[in-house]
N, C-alpha and C. Protein backbone atom coordinates (compact mmCIF):
# COMPACT_ATOMS: atom_id res chain seq x y z
N MET A 1 0.59 -1.30 0.02
CA MET A 1 0.26 -0.30 -0.03
C MET A 1 0.93 1.21 0.00
N PRO A 2 0.93 2.10 -1.07
CA PRO A 2 1.41 3.46 -0.76
C PRO A 2 0.92 4.07 0.51
N SER A 3 2.20 4.77 0.83
CA SER A 3 2.52 5.73 1.90
C SER A 3 1.16 7.25 1.23
N PRO A 4 0.69 7.84 2.37
CA PRO A 4 0.11 8.64 2.35
C PRO A 4 1.10 9.96 2.09
N PRO A 5 0.50 11.18 0.90
CA PRO A 5 1.34 11.95 0.93
C PRO A 5 1.66 12.63 1.80
N LEU A 6 2.50 13.58 1.89
CA LEU A 6 3.24 14.47 3.16
C LEU A 6 2.04 15.68 3.20
N ALA A 7 1.36 16.08 2.02
CA ALA A 7 0.50 17.05 2.24
C ALA A 7 -0.71 17.03 1.47
N PRO A 8 -1.80 17.66 1.54
CA PRO A 8 -2.72 17.55 0.58
C PRO A 8 -1.96 17.87 -0.84
N ILE A 9 -3.37 17.26 -2.09
CA ILE A 9 -2.69 17.65 -3.23
C ILE A 9 -2.95 18.78 -3.33
N ASP A 10 -3.68 19.37 -2.94
CA ASP A 10 -3.84 21.15 -2.83
C ASP A 10 -2.90 22.01 -2.59
N SER A 11 -2.06 20.95 -1.82
CA SER A 11 -0.27 22.00 -0.96
C SER A 11 -0.05 23.09 -1.86
N PRO A 12 0.26 24.04 -0.96
CA PRO A 12 0.93 25.02 -1.37
C PRO A 12 2.03 24.82 -1.93
N LEU A 13 2.90 23.62 -1.75
CA LEU A 13 4.18 23.43 -2.10
C LEU A 13 4.15 22.12 -3.61
N ASP A 14 5.02 22.01 -4.01
CA ASP A 14 4.84 21.16 -5.28
C ASP A 14 6.27 20.06 -4.23
N LEU A 15 5.55 19.31 -3.66
CA LEU A 15 6.22 17.80 -3.21
C LEU A 15 6.85 17.28 -4.23
N ASP A 16 6.54 17.18 -5.19
CA ASP A 16 7.39 16.27 -6.58
C ASP A 16 8.90 17.08 -6.68
N HIS A 17 8.44 18.27 -7.35
CA HIS A 17 9.75 19.52 -7.04
C HIS A 17 10.67 19.33 -5.80
N LEU A 18 10.24 19.23 -5.15
CA LEU A 18 11.03 19.24 -3.52
C LEU A 18 11.70 17.96 -3.67
N SER A 19 11.04 16.77 -4.24
CA SER A 19 11.72 15.93 -4.02
C SER A 19 13.05 15.71 -4.67
N ARG A 20 12.55 16.21 -5.79
CA ARG A 20 14.19 16.14 -7.40
C ARG A 20 14.59 17.22 -6.57
N MET A 21 14.62 17.97 -5.97
CA MET A 21 15.59 19.12 -5.73
C MET A 21 16.40 18.17 -3.82
N THR A 22 15.92 17.32 -3.74
CA THR A 22 16.80 16.90 -2.57
C THR A 22 16.92 15.39 -2.85
N LEU A 23 16.77 15.03 -4.22
CA LEU A 23 17.50 13.94 -4.45
C LEU A 23 16.69 12.53 -3.62
N GLY A 24 15.51 12.97 -3.33
CA GLY A 24 14.54 11.92 -2.72
C GLY A 24 14.90 11.74 -1.02
N ASP A 25 15.52 12.66 -0.70
CA ASP A 25 15.93 12.48 0.80
C ASP A 25 15.31 12.99 1.72
N SER A 26 14.17 12.19 2.35
CA SER A 26 12.89 12.87 3.18
C SER A 26 13.91 13.25 4.29
N GLU A 27 15.01 13.38 5.18
CA GLU A 27 15.51 13.69 6.15
C GLU A 27 15.92 15.59 5.46
N LEU A 28 16.74 15.46 3.96
CA LEU A 28 16.94 16.49 3.88
C LEU A 28 15.71 17.40 3.41
N GLU A 29 14.44 17.12 2.87
CA GLU A 29 13.64 17.48 2.62
C GLU A 29 12.75 18.19 3.95
N GLN A 30 12.85 17.50 4.70
CA GLN A 30 12.37 18.05 6.11
C GLN A 30 13.39 19.59 6.61
N GLU A 31 14.68 19.01 6.28
CA GLU A 31 15.93 20.06 6.88
C GLU A 31 15.55 21.32 6.14
N VAL A 32 15.15 21.43 4.83
CA VAL A 32 15.04 22.69 3.71
C VAL A 32 13.67 23.27 4.33
N LEU A 33 12.56 22.58 4.34
CA LEU A 33 11.33 22.88 4.71
C LEU A 33 11.75 23.76 5.92
N ALA A 34 12.12 23.37 6.71
CA ALA A 34 12.10 23.92 8.16
C ALA A 34 12.94 25.53 7.97
N MET A 35 14.67 25.00 7.43
CA MET A 35 14.73 26.44 7.08
C MET A 35 14.26 27.32 6.48
N PHE A 36 13.51 27.08 5.32
CA PHE A 36 12.76 28.02 4.59
C PHE A 36 11.58 28.71 5.31
N ALA A 37 10.91 27.93 6.42
CA ALA A 37 9.99 28.31 6.64
C ALA A 37 10.97 29.67 7.82
N GLU A 38 12.26 29.31 8.59
CA GLU A 38 12.65 30.19 9.29
C GLU A 38 13.08 31.52 8.61
N GLN A 39 13.61 31.23 7.33
CA GLN A 39 14.00 32.35 6.56
C GLN A 39 12.74 33.26 6.33
N ALA A 40 12.05 32.92 5.91
CA ALA A 40 10.41 33.69 5.16
C ALA A 40 10.08 34.16 6.43
N VAL A 41 10.03 33.88 7.72
CA VAL A 41 9.63 34.59 8.53
C VAL A 41 10.96 36.02 8.63
N ARG A 42 12.02 35.79 8.61
CA ARG A 42 13.12 36.69 8.99
C ARG A 42 12.79 37.79 7.68
N LEU A 43 12.58 37.38 6.58
CA LEU A 43 12.86 38.00 5.27
C LEU A 43 11.58 39.15 5.62
N LEU A 44 10.10 38.21 5.44
CA LEU A 44 8.97 39.07 5.84
C LEU A 44 8.94 39.86 7.15
N ALA A 45 9.76 39.69 7.83
CA ALA A 45 10.17 40.95 8.95
C ALA A 45 11.07 42.12 9.05
N ALA A 46 12.19 41.65 8.24
CA ALA A 46 12.62 42.75 7.13
C ALA A 46 11.88 43.74 6.74
N MET A 47 11.39 43.31 5.97
CA MET A 47 10.53 43.71 4.78
C MET A 47 9.10 44.43 5.24
N THR A 48 8.94 44.66 6.38
CA THR A 48 7.72 44.77 6.86
C THR A 48 7.30 46.47 6.63
N ALA A 49 7.88 47.03 6.71
CA ALA A 49 8.46 48.96 6.81
C ALA A 49 8.42 48.91 5.07
N LEU A 50 8.41 48.37 4.69
CA LEU A 50 9.11 48.53 3.17
C LEU A 50 10.29 49.15 2.78
N PRO A 51 11.35 48.68 3.59
CA PRO A 51 12.58 49.62 3.23
C PRO A 51 13.17 49.54 1.89
N ALA A 52 14.53 50.27 1.72
CA ALA A 52 14.79 50.22 0.21
C ALA A 52 15.26 48.81 -0.25
N GLU A 53 15.79 48.22 0.55
CA GLU A 53 16.26 46.53 0.36
C GLU A 53 15.30 45.75 0.28
N THR A 54 13.99 46.39 0.23
CA THR A 54 13.11 45.20 -0.04
C THR A 54 12.42 44.52 -1.09
N GLY A 55 13.22 45.19 -2.64
CA GLY A 55 13.07 44.47 -3.66
C GLY A 55 14.05 43.38 -3.70
N ALA A 56 15.38 43.71 -2.93
CA ALA A 56 16.37 42.49 -2.67
C ALA A 56 15.68 41.57 -2.09
N LEU A 57 15.62 41.60 -0.99
CA LEU A 57 14.99 40.85 0.06
C LEU A 57 13.97 39.45 -0.42
N ALA A 58 13.03 40.58 -1.41
CA ALA A 58 11.85 39.85 -2.36
C ALA A 58 12.46 38.71 -3.01
N HIS A 59 13.47 39.38 -4.16
CA HIS A 59 14.24 38.66 -4.73
C HIS A 59 14.34 37.58 -4.20
N LYS A 60 15.79 37.65 -2.90
CA LYS A 60 15.94 36.65 -1.84
C LYS A 60 15.41 35.50 -1.54
N LEU A 61 14.03 35.52 -0.99
CA LEU A 61 12.19 34.76 -0.72
C LEU A 61 12.00 34.02 -2.40
N LYS A 62 12.11 34.61 -3.04
CA LYS A 62 11.43 34.25 -4.23
C LYS A 62 12.33 32.82 -4.49
N GLY A 63 13.70 33.24 -4.79
CA GLY A 63 14.92 31.93 -5.10
C GLY A 63 14.38 30.88 -4.11
N SER A 64 14.56 31.22 -3.08
CA SER A 64 14.32 29.92 -1.96
C SER A 64 13.21 29.25 -2.31
N ALA A 65 11.74 29.85 -2.33
CA ALA A 65 10.69 29.50 -2.70
C ALA A 65 11.08 28.21 -3.65
N ARG A 66 11.19 28.89 -4.91
CA ARG A 66 11.28 28.02 -5.81
C ARG A 66 12.21 26.75 -5.73
N GLY A 67 12.87 26.95 -5.15
CA GLY A 67 13.85 26.12 -4.81
C GLY A 67 13.27 24.86 -3.89
N ILE A 68 12.23 25.19 -3.12
CA ILE A 68 11.17 23.87 -2.59
C ILE A 68 10.26 23.79 -3.08
N GLY A 69 9.38 24.35 -3.94
CA GLY A 69 8.56 24.02 -4.93
C GLY A 69 7.35 24.97 -4.23
N ALA A 70 7.61 26.11 -3.45
CA ALA A 70 6.73 27.26 -3.34
C ALA A 70 6.79 28.11 -4.25
N PHE A 71 5.98 27.85 -5.27
CA PHE A 71 5.66 28.63 -6.84
C PHE A 71 4.28 29.89 -6.07
N ALA A 72 3.77 29.69 -5.54
CA ALA A 72 2.60 30.82 -5.29
C ALA A 72 3.36 32.19 -4.26
N VAL A 73 4.42 31.44 -3.10
CA VAL A 73 5.13 32.25 -2.86
C VAL A 73 6.08 33.02 -3.70
N ALA A 74 6.92 32.41 -4.78
CA ALA A 74 7.99 32.96 -5.51
C ALA A 74 7.22 34.21 -6.33
N ASP A 75 5.92 33.54 -6.81
CA ASP A 75 5.15 34.81 -7.71
C ASP A 75 4.40 35.83 -6.93
N ALA A 76 4.29 35.58 -5.69
CA ALA A 76 4.04 36.92 -4.84
C ALA A 76 5.32 37.54 -4.81
N ALA A 77 6.33 37.26 -4.12
CA ALA A 77 7.82 37.59 -4.05
C ALA A 77 8.19 38.92 -5.68
N ALA A 78 8.14 37.93 -6.35
CA ALA A 78 8.35 38.71 -8.02
C ALA A 78 6.98 39.69 -8.03
N GLY A 79 5.58 39.62 -7.52
CA GLY A 79 4.88 40.88 -7.57
C GLY A 79 5.42 41.50 -6.50
N LEU A 80 5.87 41.18 -5.64
CA LEU A 80 6.77 42.87 -4.63
C LEU A 80 8.21 43.56 -5.17
N GLU A 81 9.16 42.44 -5.88
CA GLU A 81 9.77 42.95 -6.94
C GLU A 81 9.23 43.73 -7.34
N LEU A 82 7.99 43.65 -8.27
CA LEU A 82 7.79 44.43 -9.63
C LEU A 82 7.39 45.61 -9.23
N ALA A 83 6.40 45.84 -7.78
CA ALA A 83 5.98 46.68 -7.16
C ALA A 83 6.80 47.63 -6.63
N VAL A 84 7.77 47.27 -5.98
CA VAL A 84 8.58 48.38 -5.43
C VAL A 84 9.36 48.96 -6.40
N ARG A 85 9.82 48.17 -7.57
CA ARG A 85 10.34 48.82 -8.69
C ARG A 85 9.24 50.00 -9.33
N THR A 86 8.49 49.43 -9.75
CA THR A 86 7.28 50.80 -10.45
C THR A 86 6.65 51.51 -9.73
N GLY A 87 6.67 51.11 -8.36
CA GLY A 87 6.04 52.10 -7.36
C GLY A 87 3.96 51.89 -7.34
N ASN A 88 4.07 50.85 -7.66
CA ASN A 88 2.49 50.61 -8.17
C ASN A 88 2.35 49.23 -6.83
N ASN A 89 1.52 50.16 -5.71
CA ASN A 89 1.27 49.63 -4.48
C ASN A 89 1.91 47.74 -4.30
N PRO A 90 3.20 48.59 -3.16
CA PRO A 90 4.12 48.18 -2.72
C PRO A 90 3.33 47.76 -1.66
N PRO A 91 2.70 47.91 -0.78
CA PRO A 91 1.83 47.93 0.69
C PRO A 91 1.01 46.38 -0.05
N ARG A 92 -0.15 46.58 -0.92
CA ARG A 92 -1.09 45.44 -1.63
C ARG A 92 -0.04 44.21 -2.01
N ALA A 93 1.28 44.17 -2.85
CA ALA A 93 2.03 43.22 -2.66
C ALA A 93 2.76 42.38 -1.85
N PHE A 94 3.00 43.55 -0.56
CA PHE A 94 3.78 43.07 0.13
C PHE A 94 2.43 41.45 1.03
N ALA A 95 1.09 42.73 1.25
CA ALA A 95 0.19 41.80 2.09
C ALA A 95 0.13 40.64 1.55
N ALA A 96 0.06 40.31 -0.37
CA ALA A 96 -0.46 39.17 -1.09
C ALA A 96 1.16 38.20 -0.45
N LEU A 97 2.31 38.78 -0.37
CA LEU A 97 3.38 37.98 -0.31
C LEU A 97 3.00 37.23 1.27
N ARG A 98 3.03 37.89 1.98
CA ARG A 98 2.91 37.37 3.70
C ARG A 98 1.47 36.05 3.86
N GLU A 99 0.17 36.36 3.18
CA GLU A 99 -0.54 35.63 2.53
C GLU A 99 0.34 34.07 2.35
N ALA A 100 0.68 34.07 1.13
CA ALA A 100 1.18 33.12 0.32
C ALA A 100 2.42 32.19 1.58
N VAL A 101 2.94 33.20 2.25
CA VAL A 101 3.59 32.43 2.80
C VAL A 101 3.29 32.22 3.78
N ALA A 102 2.49 32.43 4.30
CA ALA A 102 1.61 31.75 6.08
C ALA A 102 0.60 30.54 5.49
N GLU A 103 0.41 30.29 4.22
CA GLU A 103 -0.10 29.35 3.52
C GLU A 103 1.12 28.08 3.45
N VAL A 104 1.72 28.63 2.97
CA VAL A 104 3.25 28.03 2.89
C VAL A 104 3.60 27.61 4.16
N ARG A 105 3.90 28.01 5.21
CA ARG A 105 4.18 27.71 6.72
C ARG A 105 3.44 27.12 7.30
N ALA A 106 2.01 26.88 6.86
CA ALA A 106 1.18 26.27 7.55
C ALA A 106 1.18 24.51 7.15
N ALA A 107 1.50 24.45 5.75
CA ALA A 107 1.98 22.65 4.79
C ALA A 107 2.75 22.67 5.43
N ILE A 108 4.06 23.54 5.64
CA ILE A 108 5.01 22.85 6.12
C ILE A 108 5.37 22.74 7.81
N ALA A 109 4.41 23.24 8.33
CA ALA A 109 3.93 22.53 9.79
C ALA A 109 3.66 21.21 9.94
N THR A 110 2.33 21.03 9.12
CA THR A 110 1.87 19.37 8.80
C THR A 110 3.07 18.87 8.28
N ILE A 111 3.47 18.86 7.58
CA ILE A 111 4.64 17.92 7.11
C ILE A 111 5.62 18.06 8.13
N LEU A 112 5.84 18.66 9.15
CA LEU A 112 7.08 18.66 9.86
C LEU A 112 6.45 18.00 11.47
N LYS A 113 5.77 17.80 11.67
CA LYS A 113 4.88 17.26 12.45
C LYS A 113 4.99 15.78 12.40
N HIS A 114 4.61 15.39 11.07
CA HIS A 114 4.61 14.18 11.02
C HIS A 114 5.74 12.94 10.78
């Protein structure tokens, strides 16, 4: 009988992508997910007041998110990068990024407690 998936099918994480990136090493997957969750919190905190380096911080989060298969976070981070660059409502883009990160962190928490 196959094992149940680590997260629901509608998860904000692409677990197949994560498995490919970690060469199927489940311990490494869990370590990477925990590191991403912590990094995302730190980066969001650093971006809260939308300082001048927000675009660079969003870019960093985008790359990390793509690495673990959190594509909605990567897209939201790209949206914030663009909003900062164009001046097109960065607070709204930041709110969307916060929401995407919250969804991924909830999925990660579910995975890590198994």
